[in-house]
C-alpha cells in the first residue's frame, strides 16, 4: 500500500521515541494499532457494501431489461389476433393460387 522501506520505519520509530517518550510509546503503539484495525474494518465493510449494492443494481438492471424484452415479445404484432388472422388468410390465398 505505502512504499515505506526499512530505513524510513527506523526514522519514524526514532522520531516517535523522541516525541512521545519511552514510557508512553508502548501504549501509543497499542492505541495506534487499534485505530488502524478499526479503520481497516470500516474500509472493508464499506467496500463489501458497495460491491453488494453494485451487484444488486446490476441484477435490477438485468431484470428491467428482461421485463422490457418480455413486454416486447408479448406486444409483438404477430401476437395480436387481429393482425395474425388477416396475415394467415393472405398466406393461405397465396398458397392456393387465388
C-alpha atoms as a PDB file:
ATOM      1  CA  UNK A   1       0.000   0.000   0.000  1.00  0.00           C
ATOM      2  CA  UNK A   2       2.598   2.535   1.091  1.00  0.00           C
ATOM      3  CA  UNK A   3       6.115   2.320  -0.216  1.00  0.00           C
ATOM      4  CA  UNK A   4       7.902   2.628   3.128  1.00  0.00           C
ATOM      5  CA  UNK A   5      11.223   0.879   3.458  1.00  0.00           C
ATOM      6  CA  UNK A   6      13.129  -0.366   6.472  1.00  0.00           C
ATOM      7  CA  UNK A   7      15.121   2.839   6.994  1.00  0.00           C
ATOM      8  CA  UNK A   8      12.035   5.008   6.825  1.00  0.00           C
ATOM      9  CA  UNK A   9      10.465   2.887   9.573  1.00  0.00           C
ATOM     10  CA  UNK A  10      13.614   3.295  11.710  1.00  0.00           C
ATOM     11  CA  UNK A  11      13.477   7.087  11.304  1.00  0.00           C
ATOM     12  CA  UNK A  12       9.758   7.130  12.217  1.00  0.00           C
ATOM     13  CA  UNK A  13      10.444   4.970  15.299  1.00  0.00           C
ATOM     14  CA  UNK A  14      13.264   7.250  16.467  1.00  0.00           C
ATOM     15  CA  UNK A  15      11.160  10.388  15.991  1.00  0.00           C
ATOM     16  CA  UNK A  16       8.220   8.741  17.826  1.00  0.00           C
ATOM     17  CA  UNK A  17      10.560   7.727  20.662  1.00  0.00           C
ATOM     18  CA  UNK A  18      11.873  11.288  20.982  1.00  0.00           C
ATOM     19  CA  UNK A  19       8.460  12.981  20.715  1.00  0.00           C
ATOM     20  CA  UNK A  20       6.312  10.577  22.763  1.00  0.00           C
ATOM     21  CA  UNK A  21       8.916   9.273  25.172  1.00  0.00           C
ATOM     22  CA  UNK A  22       9.977   5.751  26.068  1.00  0.00           C
ATOM     23  CA  UNK A  23       7.421   5.335  28.880  1.00  0.00           C
ATOM     24  CA  UNK A  24       4.337   6.173  26.769  1.00  0.00           C
ATOM     25  CA  UNK A  25       5.490   4.581  23.487  1.00  0.00           C
ATOM     26  CA  UNK A  26       4.066   1.031  24.119  1.00  0.00           C
ATOM     27  CA  UNK A  27       0.608   2.404  24.980  1.00  0.00           C
ATOM     28  CA  UNK A  28       0.724   4.727  21.993  1.00  0.00           C
ATOM     29  CA  UNK A  29       1.668   1.795  19.727  1.00  0.00           C
ATOM     30  CA  UNK A  30      -1.259  -0.293  21.052  1.00  0.00           C
ATOM     31  CA  UNK A  31      -3.705   2.570  20.619  1.00  0.00           C
ATOM     32  CA  UNK A  32      -2.403   3.255  17.103  1.00  0.00           C
ATOM     33  CA  UNK A  33      -2.822  -0.444  16.276  1.00  0.00           C
ATOM     34  CA  UNK A  34      -6.431  -0.341  17.493  1.00  0.00           C
ATOM     35  CA  UNK A  35      -7.197   2.726  15.381  1.00  0.00           C
ATOM     36  CA  UNK A  36      -5.619   1.151  12.314  1.00  0.00           C
ATOM     37  CA  UNK A  37      -7.628  -2.039  12.916  1.00  0.00           C
ATOM     38  CA  UNK A  38     -10.883  -0.058  13.210  1.00  0.00           C
ATOM     39  CA  UNK A  39     -10.044   1.922  10.082  1.00  0.00           C
ATOM     40  CA  UNK A  40      -9.339  -1.263   8.100  1.00  0.00           C
ATOM     41  CA  UNK A  41     -12.598  -2.795   9.321  1.00  0.00           C
ATOM     42  CA  UNK A  42     -14.579   0.284   8.257  1.00  0.00           C
ATOM     43  CA  UNK A  43     -12.887   0.337   4.846  1.00  0.00           C
ATOM     44  CA  UNK A  44     -13.517  -3.394   4.283  1.00  0.00           C
ATOM     45  CA  UNK A  45     -17.168  -3.115   5.360  1.00  0.00           C
ATOM     46  CA  UNK A  46     -17.677  -0.126   3.072  1.00  0.00           C
ATOM     47  CA  UNK A  47     -16.051  -1.955   0.170  1.00  0.00           C
ATOM     48  CA  UNK A  48     -18.225  -5.047   0.725  1.00  0.00           C
ATOM     49  CA  UNK A  49     -21.354  -2.898   0.987  1.00  0.00           C
ATOM     50  CA  UNK A  50     -20.524  -1.087  -2.271  1.00  0.00           C
ATOM     51  CA  UNK A  51     -19.840  -4.366  -4.068  1.00  0.00           C
ATOM     52  CA  UNK A  52     -23.147  -5.781  -2.844  1.00  0.00           C
ATOM     53  CA  UNK A  53     -25.013  -2.642  -3.948  1.00  0.00           C
ATOM     54  CA  UNK A  54     -23.381  -2.801  -7.376  1.00  0.00           C
ATOM     55  CA  UNK A  55     -24.362  -6.445  -7.752  1.00  0.00           C
ATOM     56  CA  UNK A  56     -27.940  -5.598  -6.765  1.00  0.00           C
ATOM     57  CA  UNK A  57     -28.091  -2.695  -9.200  1.00  0.00           C
ATOM     58  CA  UNK A  58     -26.689  -4.881 -11.991  1.00  0.00           C
ATOM     59  CA  UNK A  59     -29.253  -7.570 -11.154  1.00  0.00           C
ATOM     60  CA  UNK A  60     -32.050  -4.998 -11.071  1.00  0.00           C
ATOM     61  CA  UNK A  61     -30.893  -3.587 -14.411  1.00  0.00           C
ATOM     62  CA  UNK A  62     -30.852  -7.062 -15.910  1.00  0.00           C
ATOM     63  CA  UNK A  63     -34.333  -7.780 -14.544  1.00  0.00           C
ATOM     64  CA  UNK A  64     -35.559  -4.487 -16.007  1.00  0.00           C
ATOM     65  CA  UNK A  65     -34.122  -5.303 -19.436  1.00  0.00           C
ATOM     66  CA  UNK A  66     -35.609  -8.792 -19.340  1.00  0.00           C
ATOM     67  CA  UNK A  67     -39.039  -7.428 -18.437  1.00  0.00           C
ATOM     68  CA  UNK A  68     -38.794  -4.924 -21.308  1.00  0.00           C
ATOM     69  CA  UNK A  69     -37.868  -7.745 -23.671  1.00  0.00           C
ATOM     70  CA  UNK A  70     -40.760  -9.834 -22.357  1.00  0.00           C
ATOM     71  CA  UNK A  71     -43.142  -6.905 -22.934  1.00  0.00           C
ATOM     72  CA  UNK A  72     -41.831  -6.507 -26.481  1.00  0.00           C
ATOM     73  CA  UNK A  73     -42.373 -10.186 -27.180  1.00  0.00           C
ATOM     74  CA  UNK A  74     -45.905 -10.151 -25.785  1.00  0.00           C
ATOM     75  CA  UNK A  75     -46.782  -6.934 -27.626  1.00  0.00           C
ATOM     76  CA  UNK A  76     -45.259  -8.019 -30.932  1.00  0.00           C
ATOM     77  CA  UNK A  77     -47.544  -7.658 -33.984  1.00  0.00           C
ATOM     78  CA  UNK A  78     -47.575 -11.386 -34.643  1.00  0.00           C
ATOM     79  CA  UNK A  79     -49.041 -11.948 -31.157  1.00  0.00           C
ATOM     80  CA  UNK A  80     -52.061  -9.723 -31.912  1.00  0.00           C
ATOM     81  CA  UNK A  81     -55.035 -11.876 -33.054  1.00  0.00           C
ATOM     82  CA  UNK A  82     -56.356  -9.016 -35.224  1.00  0.00           C
ATOM     83  CA  UNK A  83     -53.024  -8.961 -37.042  1.00  0.00           C
ATOM     84  CA  UNK A  84     -52.476 -12.723 -37.269  1.00  0.00           C
ATOM     85  CA  UNK A  85     -55.857 -13.630 -38.835  1.00  0.00           C
ATOM     86  CA  UNK A  86     -55.524 -11.354 -41.922  1.00  0.00           C
ATOM     87  CA  UNK A  87     -51.906 -12.457 -42.396  1.00  0.00           C
ATOM     88  CA  UNK A  88     -52.896 -16.131 -42.256  1.00  0.00           C
ATOM     89  CA  UNK A  89     -55.700 -15.530 -44.749  1.00  0.00           C
ATOM     90  CA  UNK A  90     -53.285 -13.722 -47.070  1.00  0.00           C
ATOM     91  CA  UNK A  91     -50.766 -16.589 -46.806  1.00  0.00           C
ATOM     92  CA  UNK A  92     -53.473 -19.168 -47.465  1.00  0.00           C
ATOM     93  CA  UNK A  93     -54.645 -17.212 -50.507  1.00  0.00           C
ATOM     94  CA  UNK A  94     -51.096 -17.077 -51.872  1.00  0.00           C
ATOM     95  CA  UNK A  95     -50.615 -20.822 -51.310  1.00  0.00           C
ATOM     96  CA  UNK A  96     -53.872 -21.778 -53.062  1.00  0.00           C
ATOM     97  CA  UNK A  97     -53.102 -19.648 -56.085  1.00  0.00           C
ATOM     98  CA  UNK A  98     -56.074 -17.295 -55.828  1.00  0.00           C
END
